[in-house]
Amino acid sequence: MRLAAATAAYADDLAHVRRLSPATVRAYAADLRDLQNATGDIELAEIDLESLREWLWRATQRGDARATLARRTASVRGFFAWAQEHGIIAVDPSLRLVAPKRARTLPKVATAPAMTAVLDAAAARAGEGDAIALRDAAILELLYASALRVAELCGMDVDDIDAHRRTVRVIGKGSKERIVPFGGPAASAVDAYLVRGRPVLAARGQGSRAVFLGARGGRLGTRAAYDIVSRAVAPALGTETTGPHTLRHSAATHLLDGGADLRTVQEMLGHASLGTTQIYTHVSAEKLAAAYRLAHPRA
């Protein structure tokens, strides 16, 4: 089987058998297309370890980040393991392919006062009754309150919100469902949007069940949600752009700073591994170290 055909079959397997998210499937397919650009659409059995090393070396030469190289290494490992498992190749050439170590970067986090200022400003705009302003205030409050991924937020339907229990049902990575709580300010913002804002937007559309709607009444896209958050939060952080993940990072860090258990934060974020959640302990530890250096006489 040639590389292009195998890539298409693998993407189909990821989407319909392993049920990975569309974004993840596209990322895997894009990495394998990059490999095809380097090797040509050749038979899979013709690709050896040296071919893969050459491909990664070219990516390094053109300036690809270490995180990109590490992801592409993981992509081809998964692909060739699948090909061997299905009898397409006899030997997996990627077994000895070494991924460059990722540079460990701490997530960008807004301070609690900065988040309060952002949310108060959004609430003030929503107080004028504009449907879009009501929607944007609800988005910001809910992202920060529940530490949601933007795709989870945009994928929510009206029936997913339990106003009485103050919880929301979301579908996370790997189609895993979880129930996430939210607090009083988010409840007020969401209620105001559902009562006074969403009906205005829904009247422009085709009866979407999505919680958050765009200006034309259809389900709000992740790109639009990113822009909404960036416009509101970036000025508070002194950066040009920042996305919804900043609110997720900030919520996780503030939970740990407030004494929340790491395992509880893991469940709230929907992380499969506790190790993924532990990066937020480094953020809190840095805050502790900074306070120590300022306060301790022998720091």
C-alpha atoms as a PDB file:
ATOM      1  CA  MET A   1       0.000   0.000   0.000  1.00  0.00           C
ATOM      2  CA  ARG A   2       1.273   3.460  -0.876  1.00  0.00           C
ATOM      3  CA  LEU A   3       1.700   6.198   1.698  1.00  0.00           C
ATOM      4  CA  ALA A   4      -1.250   8.359   0.561  1.00  0.00           C
ATOM      5  CA  ALA A   5      -3.713   5.465   0.604  1.00  0.00           C
ATOM      6  CA  ALA A   6      -2.404   4.229   3.949  1.00  0.00           C
ATOM      7  CA  THR A   7      -2.722   7.724   5.418  1.00  0.00           C
ATOM      8  CA  ALA A   8      -6.365   7.923   4.334  1.00  0.00           C
ATOM      9  CA  ALA A   9      -7.098   4.478   5.822  1.00  0.00           C
ATOM     10  CA  TYR A  10      -5.340   5.409   9.068  1.00  0.00           C
ATOM     11  CA  ALA A  11      -7.270   8.681   9.370  1.00  0.00           C
ATOM     12  CA  ASP A  12     -10.504   6.767   8.854  1.00  0.00           C
ATOM     13  CA  ASP A  13      -9.500   4.324  11.603  1.00  0.00           C
ATOM     14  CA  LEU A  14      -8.676   7.174  13.996  1.00  0.00           C
ATOM     15  CA  ALA A  15     -12.004   8.873  13.346  1.00  0.00           C
ATOM     16  CA  HIS A  16     -14.378   5.902  13.345  1.00  0.00           C
ATOM     17  CA  VAL A  17     -12.680   3.175  15.388  1.00  0.00           C
ATOM     18  CA  ARG A  18     -10.645   5.087  17.951  1.00  0.00           C
ATOM     19  CA  ARG A  19     -13.140   7.977  17.800  1.00  0.00           C
ATOM     20  CA  LEU A  20     -10.557  10.723  18.146  1.00  0.00           C
ATOM     21  CA  SER A  21     -11.641  14.318  17.699  1.00  0.00           C
ATOM     22  CA  PRO A  22     -11.724  15.785  14.162  1.00  0.00           C
ATOM     23  CA  ALA A  23      -8.965  18.228  15.115  1.00  0.00           C
ATOM     24  CA  THR A  24      -6.703  15.390  16.287  1.00  0.00           C
ATOM     25  CA  VAL A  25      -7.349  13.381  13.126  1.00  0.00           C
ATOM     26  CA  ARG A  26      -6.524  16.412  10.973  1.00  0.00           C
ATOM     27  CA  ALA A  27      -3.268  16.920  12.897  1.00  0.00           C
ATOM     28  CA  TYR A  28      -2.174  13.296  12.382  1.00  0.00           C
ATOM     29  CA  ALA A  29      -3.084  13.454   8.687  1.00  0.00           C
ATOM     30  CA  ALA A  30      -1.198  16.743   8.239  1.00  0.00           C
ATOM     31  CA  ASP A  31       1.946  15.244   9.783  1.00  0.00           C
ATOM     32  CA  LEU A  32       1.753  12.250   7.466  1.00  0.00           C
ATOM     33  CA  ARG A  33       1.208  14.501   4.447  1.00  0.00           C
ATOM     34  CA  ASP A  34       4.374  16.331   5.438  1.00  0.00           C
ATOM     35  CA  LEU A  35       6.156  12.978   5.436  1.00  0.00           C
ATOM     36  CA  GLN A  36       4.733  12.268   1.967  1.00  0.00           C
ATOM     37  CA  ASN A  37       6.008  15.640   0.738  1.00  0.00           C
ATOM     38  CA  ALA A  38       9.490  14.547   1.796  1.00  0.00           C
ATOM     39  CA  THR A  39       9.448  10.944   0.537  1.00  0.00           C
ATOM     40  CA  GLY A  40       6.890  10.998  -2.250  1.00  0.00           C
ATOM     41  CA  ASP A  41       3.888   8.685  -2.456  1.00  0.00           C
ATOM     42  CA  ILE A  42       5.952   5.521  -2.171  1.00  0.00           C
ATOM     43  CA  GLU A  43       5.181   2.048  -0.886  1.00  0.00           C
ATOM     44  CA  LEU A  44       5.108   1.944   2.912  1.00  0.00           C
ATOM     45  CA  ALA A  45       7.595  -0.919   2.941  1.00  0.00           C
ATOM     46  CA  GLU A  46      10.161   1.349   1.230  1.00  0.00           C
ATOM     47  CA  ILE A  47      10.239   3.790   4.160  1.00  0.00           C
ATOM     48  CA  ASP A  48      13.028   2.952   6.597  1.00  0.00           C
ATOM     49  CA  LEU A  49      14.511   4.540   9.702  1.00  0.00           C
ATOM     50  CA  GLU A  50      16.926   6.674   7.675  1.00  0.00           C
ATOM     51  CA  SER A  51      14.028   8.060   5.608  1.00  0.00           C
ATOM     52  CA  LEU A  52      12.287   9.142   8.787  1.00  0.00           C
ATOM     53  CA  ARG A  53      15.449  10.660  10.246  1.00  0.00           C
ATOM     54  CA  GLU A  54      16.020  12.582   7.024  1.00  0.00           C
ATOM     55  CA  TRP A  55      12.453  13.883   7.164  1.00  0.00           C
ATOM     56  CA  LEU A  56      12.894  15.160  10.725  1.00  0.00           C
ATOM     57  CA  TRP A  57      16.282  16.668   9.884  1.00  0.00           C
ATOM     58  CA  ARG A  58      14.734  18.672   7.023  1.00  0.00           C
ATOM     59  CA  ALA A  59      12.011  19.894   9.394  1.00  0.00           C
ATOM     60  CA  THR A  60      14.724  20.994  11.839  1.00  0.00           C
ATOM     61  CA  GLN A  61      16.563  22.841   9.078  1.00  0.00           C
ATOM     62  CA  ARG A  62      13.481  24.821   8.115  1.00  0.00           C
ATOM     63  CA  GLY A  63      13.006  25.885  11.739  1.00  0.00           C
ATOM     64  CA  ASP A  64      10.158  23.711  13.008  1.00  0.00           C
ATOM     65  CA  ALA A  65       9.741  23.943  16.780  1.00  0.00           C
ATOM     66  CA  ARG A  66      10.774  21.055  19.014  1.00  0.00           C
ATOM     67  CA  ALA A  67       7.152  20.569  20.040  1.00  0.00           C
ATOM     68  CA  THR A  68       6.196  20.174  16.367  1.00  0.00           C
ATOM     69  CA  LEU A  69       8.986  17.657  15.784  1.00  0.00           C
ATOM     70  CA  ALA A  70       7.979  15.688  18.864  1.00  0.00           C
ATOM     71  CA  ARG A  71       4.358  15.611  17.732  1.00  0.00           C
ATOM     72  CA  ARG A  72       5.325  14.452  14.249  1.00  0.00           C
ATOM     73  CA  THR A  73       7.484  11.712  15.710  1.00  0.00           C
ATOM     74  CA  ALA A  74       4.525  10.525  17.766  1.00  0.00           C
ATOM     75  CA  SER A  75       2.320  10.697  14.665  1.00  0.00           C
ATOM     76  CA  VAL A  76       4.529   8.441  12.546  1.00  0.00           C
ATOM     77  CA  ARG A  77       5.060   6.022  15.415  1.00  0.00           C
ATOM     78  CA  GLY A  78       1.330   5.595  15.789  1.00  0.00           C
ATOM     79  CA  PHE A  79       0.880   5.295  12.042  1.00  0.00           C
ATOM     80  CA  PHE A  80       3.544   2.624  11.498  1.00  0.00           C
ATOM     81  CA  ALA A  81       2.430   0.662  14.566  1.00  0.00           C
ATOM     82  CA  TRP A  82      -1.073   0.617  13.064  1.00  0.00           C
ATOM     83  CA  ALA A  83       0.311  -0.432   9.653  1.00  0.00           C
ATOM     84  CA  GLN A  84       2.246  -3.325  11.187  1.00  0.00           C
ATOM     85  CA  GLU A  85      -0.733  -4.404  13.271  1.00  0.00           C
ATOM     86  CA  HIS A  86      -2.873  -4.553  10.100  1.00  0.00           C
ATOM     87  CA  GLY A  87      -0.265  -6.500   8.128  1.00  0.00           C
ATOM     88  CA  ILE A  88       0.535  -3.664   5.723  1.00  0.00           C
ATOM     89  CA  ILE A  89       4.234  -3.760   6.667  1.00  0.00           C
ATOM     90  CA  ALA A  90       6.327  -6.496   8.245  1.00  0.00           C
ATOM     91  CA  VAL A  91       8.732  -4.251  10.159  1.00  0.00           C
ATOM     92  CA  ASP A  92       8.009  -0.963  11.938  1.00  0.00           C
ATOM     93  CA  PRO A  93      10.768   1.503  10.898  1.00  0.00           C
ATOM     94  CA  SER A  94       9.808   4.055  13.541  1.00  0.00           C
ATOM     95  CA  LEU A  95      10.665   1.952  16.606  1.00  0.00           C
ATOM     96  CA  ARG A  96      14.131   3.497  16.956  1.00  0.00           C
ATOM     97  CA  LEU A  97      13.091   6.997  15.888  1.00  0.00           C
ATOM     98  CA  VAL A  98      14.040   9.376  18.709  1.00  0.00           C
ATOM     99  CA  ALA A  99      11.804  12.348  19.389  1.00  0.00           C
ATOM    100  CA  PRO A 100      13.461  15.620  20.457  1.00  0.00           C
ATOM    101  CA  LYS A 101      12.622  16.550  24.001  1.00  0.00           C
ATOM    102  CA  ARG A 102       9.895  19.143  24.309  1.00  0.00           C
ATOM    103  CA  ALA A 103      10.833  22.435  25.884  1.00  0.00           C
ATOM    104  CA  ARG A 104       8.729  22.588  29.028  1.00  0.00           C
ATOM    105  CA  THR A 105       6.911  25.900  28.986  1.00  0.00           C
ATOM    106  CA  LEU A 106       4.602  27.087  31.710  1.00  0.00           C
ATOM    107  CA  PRO A 107       1.131  28.151  30.642  1.00  0.00           C
ATOM    108  CA  LYS A 108       0.277  31.832  30.521  1.00  0.00           C
ATOM    109  CA  VAL A 109      -1.842  32.687  33.551  1.00  0.00           C
ATOM    110  CA  ALA A 110      -3.810  35.811  34.413  1.00  0.00           C
ATOM    111  CA  THR A 111      -3.803  36.956  38.029  1.00  0.00           C
ATOM    112  CA  ALA A 112      -7.038  36.784  39.998  1.00  0.00           C
ATOM    113  CA  PRO A 113      -7.340  40.622  40.097  1.00  0.00           C
ATOM    114  CA  ALA A 114      -6.779  40.793  36.327  1.00  0.00           C
ATOM    115  CA  MET A 115      -9.503  38.191  35.754  1.00  0.00           C
ATOM    116  CA  THR A 116     -11.866  40.112  38.031  1.00  0.00           C
ATOM    117  CA  ALA A 117     -11.258  43.267  35.990  1.00  0.00           C
ATOM    118  CA  VAL A 118     -11.886  41.421  32.696  1.00  0.00           C
ATOM    119  CA  LEU A 119     -15.108  39.829  33.923  1.00  0.00           C
ATOM    120  CA  ASP A 120     -16.388  43.054  35.534  1.00  0.00           C
ATOM    121  CA  ALA A 121     -15.814  44.916  32.254  1.00  0.00           C
ATOM    122  CA  ALA A 122     -17.691  42.207  30.329  1.00  0.00           C
ATOM    123  CA  ALA A 123     -20.558  42.352  32.828  1.00  0.00           C
ATOM    124  CA  ALA A 124     -20.760  46.140  32.428  1.00  0.00           C
ATOM    125  CA  ARG A 125     -21.071  45.781  28.637  1.00  0.00           C
ATOM    126  CA  ALA A 126     -23.692  43.065  29.063  1.00  0.00           C
ATOM    127  CA  GLY A 127     -25.655  45.321  31.408  1.00  0.00           C
ATOM    128  CA  GLU A 128     -26.693  47.406  28.411  1.00  0.00           C
ATOM    129  CA  GLY A 129     -28.723  44.439  27.142  1.00  0.00           C
ATOM    130  CA  ASP A 130     -27.006  43.817  23.803  1.00  0.00           C
ATOM    131  CA  ALA A 131     -27.344  40.132  22.815  1.00  0.00           C
ATOM    132  CA  ILE A 132     -23.724  39.802  21.683  1.00  0.00           C
ATOM    133  CA  ALA A 133     -22.424  41.447  24.870  1.00  0.00           C
ATOM    134  CA  LEU A 134     -24.588  39.122  26.983  1.00  0.00           C
ATOM    135  CA  ARG A 135     -23.225  36.127  25.087  1.00  0.00           C
ATOM    136  CA  ASP A 136     -19.607  37.228  25.409  1.00  0.00           C
ATOM    137  CA  ALA A 137     -19.937  37.818  29.162  1.00  0.00           C
ATOM    138  CA  ALA A 138     -21.427  34.334  29.593  1.00  0.00           C
ATOM    139  CA  ILE A 139     -18.613  32.776  27.535  1.00  0.00           C
ATOM    140  CA  LEU A 140     -15.890  34.452  29.598  1.00  0.00           C
ATOM    141  CA  GLU A 141     -17.528  33.595  32.922  1.00  0.00           C
ATOM    142  CA  LEU A 142     -18.134  29.958  31.976  1.00  0.00           C
ATOM    143  CA  LEU A 143     -14.668  29.364  30.519  1.00  0.00           C
ATOM    144  CA  TYR A 144     -13.047  30.724  33.663  1.00  0.00           C
ATOM    145  CA  ALA A 145     -15.513  29.147  36.109  1.00  0.00           C
ATOM    146  CA  SER A 146     -15.359  25.639  34.655  1.00  0.00           C
ATOM    147  CA  ALA A 147     -11.924  25.591  32.972  1.00  0.00           C
ATOM    148  CA  LEU A 148     -13.482  24.324  29.746  1.00  0.00           C
ATOM    149  CA  ARG A 149     -11.704  23.773  26.449  1.00  0.00           C
ATOM    150  CA  VAL A 150     -13.049  26.055  23.734  1.00  0.00           C
ATOM    151  CA  ALA A 151     -14.266  23.083  21.663  1.00  0.00           C
ATOM    152  CA  GLU A 152     -16.201  21.831  24.690  1.00  0.00           C
ATOM    153  CA  LEU A 153     -17.800  25.235  25.159  1.00  0.00           C
ATOM    154  CA  CYS A 154     -18.807  25.541  21.501  1.00  0.00           C
ATOM    155  CA  GLY A 155     -20.115  21.975  21.449  1.00  0.00           C
ATOM    156  CA  MET A 156     -22.551  22.496  24.340  1.00  0.00           C
ATOM    157  CA  ASP A 157     -26.300  22.287  23.749  1.00  0.00           C
ATOM    158  CA  VAL A 158     -28.959  23.968  25.856  1.00  0.00           C
ATOM    159  CA  ASP A 159     -29.931  20.672  27.497  1.00  0.00           C
ATOM    160  CA  ASP A 160     -26.361  20.226  28.740  1.00  0.00           C
ATOM    161  CA  ILE A 161     -26.768  22.983  31.341  1.00  0.00           C
ATOM    162  CA  ASP A 162     -28.286  22.097  34.710  1.00  0.00           C
ATOM    163  CA  ALA A 163     -29.070  25.502  36.179  1.00  0.00           C
ATOM    164  CA  HIS A 164     -30.374  24.024  39.441  1.00  0.00           C
ATOM    165  CA  ARG A 165     -27.194  22.074  40.205  1.00  0.00           C
ATOM    166  CA  ARG A 166     -24.959  24.640  38.492  1.00  0.00           C
ATOM    167  CA  THR A 167     -23.270  22.027  36.356  1.00  0.00           C
ATOM    168  CA  VAL A 168     -22.645  21.594  32.659  1.00  0.00           C
ATOM    169  CA  ARG A 169     -22.188  18.381  30.679  1.00  0.00           C
ATOM    170  CA  VAL A 170     -19.405  18.522  28.100  1.00  0.00           C
ATOM    171  CA  ILE A 171     -17.831  16.091  25.641  1.00  0.00           C
ATOM    172  CA  GLY A 172     -14.049  16.268  25.914  1.00  0.00           C
ATOM    173  CA  LYS A 173     -11.143  14.670  24.100  1.00  0.00           C
ATOM    174  CA  GLY A 174     -11.711  11.101  23.009  1.00  0.00           C
ATOM    175  CA  SER A 175     -15.492  11.694  23.173  1.00  0.00           C
ATOM    176  CA  LYS A 176     -15.317  11.406  26.965  1.00  0.00           C
ATOM    177  CA  GLU A 177     -18.221  12.960  28.826  1.00  0.00           C
ATOM    178  CA  ARG A 178     -17.825  14.770  32.116  1.00  0.00           C
ATOM    179  CA  ILE A 179     -19.910  16.984  34.389  1.00  0.00           C
ATOM    180  CA  VAL A 180     -18.282  20.250  35.474  1.00  0.00           C
ATOM    181  CA  PRO A 181     -19.521  22.695  38.120  1.00  0.00           C
ATOM    182  CA  PHE A 182     -19.710  26.478  37.821  1.00  0.00           C
ATOM    183  CA  GLY A 183     -20.282  29.225  40.371  1.00  0.00           C
ATOM    184  CA  GLY A 184     -22.748  32.003  41.064  1.00  0.00           C
ATOM    185  CA  PRO A 185     -21.315  34.726  38.782  1.00  0.00           C
ATOM    186  CA  ALA A 186     -21.195  32.322  35.841  1.00  0.00           C
ATOM    187  CA  ALA A 187     -24.735  31.135  36.627  1.00  0.00           C
ATOM    188  CA  SER A 188     -25.999  34.728  36.568  1.00  0.00           C
ATOM    189  CA  ALA A 189     -24.204  35.528  33.308  1.00  0.00           C
ATOM    190  CA  VAL A 190     -25.398  32.351  31.579  1.00  0.00           C
ATOM    191  CA  ASP A 191     -28.971  32.859  32.782  1.00  0.00           C
ATOM    192  CA  ALA A 192     -29.014  36.462  31.558  1.00  0.00           C
ATOM    193  CA  TYR A 193     -27.739  35.337  28.159  1.00  0.00           C
ATOM    194  CA  LEU A 194     -30.235  32.454  27.847  1.00  0.00           C
ATOM    195  CA  VAL A 195     -33.177  34.663  28.814  1.00  0.00           C
ATOM    196  CA  ARG A 196     -32.328  37.957  27.092  1.00  0.00           C
ATOM    197  CA  GLY A 197     -29.536  37.318  24.609  1.00  0.00           C
ATOM    198  CA  ARG A 198     -29.857  33.901  23.037  1.00  0.00           C
ATOM    199  CA  PRO A 199     -33.488  34.307  21.862  1.00  0.00           C
ATOM    200  CA  VAL A 200     -32.432  37.365  19.839  1.00  0.00           C
ATOM    201  CA  LEU A 201     -29.628  35.440  18.147  1.00  0.00           C
ATOM    202  CA  ALA A 202     -31.708  32.271  17.718  1.00  0.00           C
ATOM    203  CA  ALA A 203     -34.383  34.225  15.809  1.00  0.00           C
ATOM    204  CA  ARG A 204     -31.774  34.847  13.068  1.00  0.00           C
ATOM    205  CA  GLY A 205     -30.921  31.167  12.589  1.00  0.00           C
ATOM    206  CA  GLN A 206     -32.304  27.729  11.811  1.00  0.00           C
ATOM    207  CA  GLY A 207     -33.184  26.429  15.268  1.00  0.00           C
ATOM    208  CA  SER A 208     -29.756  25.349  16.529  1.00  0.00           C
ATOM    209  CA  ARG A 209     -29.719  23.703  19.974  1.00  0.00           C
ATOM    210  CA  ALA A 210     -26.271  25.153  20.710  1.00  0.00           C
ATOM    211  CA  VAL A 211     -25.919  27.225  23.844  1.00  0.00           C
ATOM    212  CA  PHE A 212     -23.677  29.791  22.239  1.00  0.00           C
ATOM    213  CA  LEU A 213     -24.757  31.198  18.890  1.00  0.00           C
ATOM    214  CA  GLY A 214     -23.053  33.385  16.354  1.00  0.00           C
ATOM    215  CA  ALA A 215     -24.417  36.658  14.990  1.00  0.00           C
ATOM    216  CA  ARG A 216     -26.388  34.748  12.311  1.00  0.00           C
ATOM    217  CA  GLY A 217     -27.960  32.317  14.761  1.00  0.00           C
ATOM    218  CA  GLY A 218     -25.825  29.244  14.055  1.00  0.00           C
ATOM    219  CA  ARG A 219     -23.548  27.422  16.476  1.00  0.00           C
ATOM    220  CA  LEU A 220     -20.609  29.605  17.501  1.00  0.00           C
ATOM    221  CA  GLY A 221     -17.321  28.339  16.025  1.00  0.00           C
ATOM    222  CA  THR A 222     -14.120  27.838  17.966  1.00  0.00           C
ATOM    223  CA  ARG A 223     -12.322  30.521  15.916  1.00  0.00           C
ATOM    224  CA  ALA A 224     -14.977  33.092  16.811  1.00  0.00           C
ATOM    225  CA  ALA A 225     -14.806  32.100  20.492  1.00  0.00           C
ATOM    226  CA  TYR A 226     -11.023  32.485  20.388  1.00  0.00           C
ATOM    227  CA  ASP A 227     -11.395  36.023  19.027  1.00  0.00           C
ATOM    228  CA  ILE A 228     -13.952  36.926  21.710  1.00  0.00           C
ATOM    229  CA  VAL A 229     -11.607  35.844  24.490  1.00  0.00           C
ATOM    230  CA  SER A 230      -8.542  37.424  22.901  1.00  0.00           C
ATOM    231  CA  ARG A 231     -10.206  40.832  22.600  1.00  0.00           C
ATOM    232  CA  ALA A 232     -11.264  40.736  26.250  1.00  0.00           C
ATOM    233  CA  VAL A 233      -8.257  39.145  27.947  1.00  0.00           C
ATOM    234  CA  ALA A 234      -5.177  40.147  25.914  1.00  0.00           C
ATOM    235  CA  PRO A 235      -5.160  43.799  27.060  1.00  0.00           C
ATOM    236  CA  ALA A 236      -5.310  42.697  30.703  1.00  0.00           C
ATOM    237  CA  LEU A 237      -2.206  40.543  30.185  1.00  0.00           C
ATOM    238  CA  GLY A 238      -0.363  43.138  28.123  1.00  0.00           C
ATOM    239  CA  THR A 239      -0.109  40.855  25.096  1.00  0.00           C
ATOM    240  CA  GLU A 240      -1.346  41.162  21.534  1.00  0.00           C
ATOM    241  CA  THR A 241      -3.279  37.898  21.516  1.00  0.00           C
ATOM    242  CA  THR A 242      -4.299  35.245  24.003  1.00  0.00           C
ATOM    243  CA  GLY A 243      -6.896  32.525  23.634  1.00  0.00           C
ATOM    244  CA  PRO A 244      -9.453  30.606  25.680  1.00  0.00           C
ATOM    245  CA  HIS A 245      -6.768  28.282  27.046  1.00  0.00           C
ATOM    246  CA  THR A 246      -5.501  31.209  29.119  1.00  0.00           C
ATOM    247  CA  LEU A 247      -8.775  31.116  31.055  1.00  0.00           C
ATOM    248  CA  ARG A 248      -8.460  27.347  31.461  1.00  0.00           C
ATOM    249  CA  HIS A 249      -4.862  27.678  32.695  1.00  0.00           C
ATOM    250  CA  SER A 250      -5.821  30.531  35.017  1.00  0.00           C
ATOM    251  CA  ALA A 251      -8.775  28.647  36.494  1.00  0.00           C
ATOM    252  CA  ALA A 252      -6.644  25.552  37.176  1.00  0.00           C
ATOM    253  CA  THR A 253      -3.869  27.584  38.785  1.00  0.00           C
ATOM    254  CA  HIS A 254      -6.250  29.619  40.922  1.00  0.00           C
ATOM    255  CA  LEU A 255      -7.989  26.425  42.087  1.00  0.00           C
ATOM    256  CA  LEU A 256      -4.673  24.977  43.247  1.00  0.00           C
ATOM    257  CA  ASP A 257      -3.655  28.289  44.837  1.00  0.00           C
ATOM    258  CA  GLY A 258      -6.948  28.200  46.732  1.00  0.00           C
ATOM    259  CA  GLY A 259      -6.255  24.736  48.121  1.00  0.00           C
ATOM    260  CA  ALA A 260      -8.035  22.443  45.659  1.00  0.00           C
ATOM    261  CA  ASP A 261      -6.783  18.865  45.484  1.00  0.00           C
ATOM    262  CA  LEU A 262      -4.730  18.032  42.368  1.00  0.00           C
ATOM    263  CA  ARG A 263      -6.887  14.989  41.608  1.00  0.00           C
ATOM    264  CA  THR A 264     -10.034  17.126  41.756  1.00  0.00           C
ATOM    265  CA  VAL A 265      -8.519  19.635  39.326  1.00  0.00           C
ATOM    266  CA  GLN A 266      -7.553  16.745  37.030  1.00  0.00           C
ATOM    267  CA  GLU A 267     -11.162  15.524  36.935  1.00  0.00           C
ATOM    268  CA  MET A 268     -12.469  19.027  36.352  1.00  0.00           C
ATOM    269  CA  LEU A 269     -10.079  19.609  33.447  1.00  0.00           C
ATOM    270  CA  GLY A 270     -10.757  16.203  31.941  1.00  0.00           C
ATOM    271  CA  HIS A 271      -7.088  15.211  31.845  1.00  0.00           C
ATOM    272  CA  ALA A 272      -6.475  11.514  31.239  1.00  0.00           C
ATOM    273  CA  SER A 273      -3.166  11.680  33.128  1.00  0.00           C
ATOM    274  CA  LEU A 274      -2.396  13.340  36.433  1.00  0.00           C
ATOM    275  CA  GLY A 275       1.001  14.241  34.960  1.00  0.00           C
ATOM    276  CA  THR A 276      -0.694  16.629  32.531  1.00  0.00           C
ATOM    277  CA  THR A 277      -2.338  18.451  35.434  1.00  0.00           C
ATOM    278  CA  GLN A 278       0.889  18.681  37.417  1.00  0.00           C
ATOM    279  CA  ILE A 279       2.216  21.484  35.205  1.00  0.00           C
ATOM    280  CA  TYR A 280      -0.097  23.804  37.150  1.00  0.00           C
ATOM    281  CA  THR A 281       1.685  22.923  40.377  1.00  0.00           C
ATOM    282  CA  HIS A 282       4.829  24.436  38.823  1.00  0.00           C
ATOM    283  CA  VAL A 283       2.951  27.693  38.245  1.00  0.00           C
ATOM    284  CA  SER A 284       1.803  27.748  41.875  1.00  0.00           C
ATOM    285  CA  ALA A 285       5.296  26.796  43.069  1.00  0.00           C
ATOM    286  CA  GLU A 286       6.775  29.738  41.157  1.00  0.00           C
ATOM    287  CA  LYS A 287       4.305  32.053  42.874  1.00  0.00           C
ATOM    288  CA  LEU A 288       5.308  30.578  46.243  1.00  0.00           C
ATOM    289  CA  ALA A 289       9.017  30.981  45.439  1.00  0.00           C
ATOM    290  CA  ALA A 290       8.521  34.615  44.424  1.00  0.00           C
ATOM    291  CA  ALA A 291       6.686  35.350  47.672  1.00  0.00           C
ATOM    292  CA  TYR A 292       9.422  33.595  49.628  1.00  0.00           C
ATOM    293  CA  ARG A 293      12.170  35.643  47.969  1.00  0.00           C
ATOM    294  CA  LEU A 294      10.333  38.859  48.813  1.00  0.00           C
ATOM    295  CA  ALA A 295       9.403  37.986  52.381  1.00  0.00           C
ATOM    296  CA  HIS A 296      12.040  35.727  53.930  1.00  0.00           C
ATOM    297  CA  PRO A 297      15.036  37.481  55.506  1.00  0.00           C
ATOM    298  CA  ARG A 298      17.420  34.765  54.349  1.00  0.00           C
ATOM    299  CA  ALA A 299      15.907  34.076  50.931  1.00  0.00           C
END
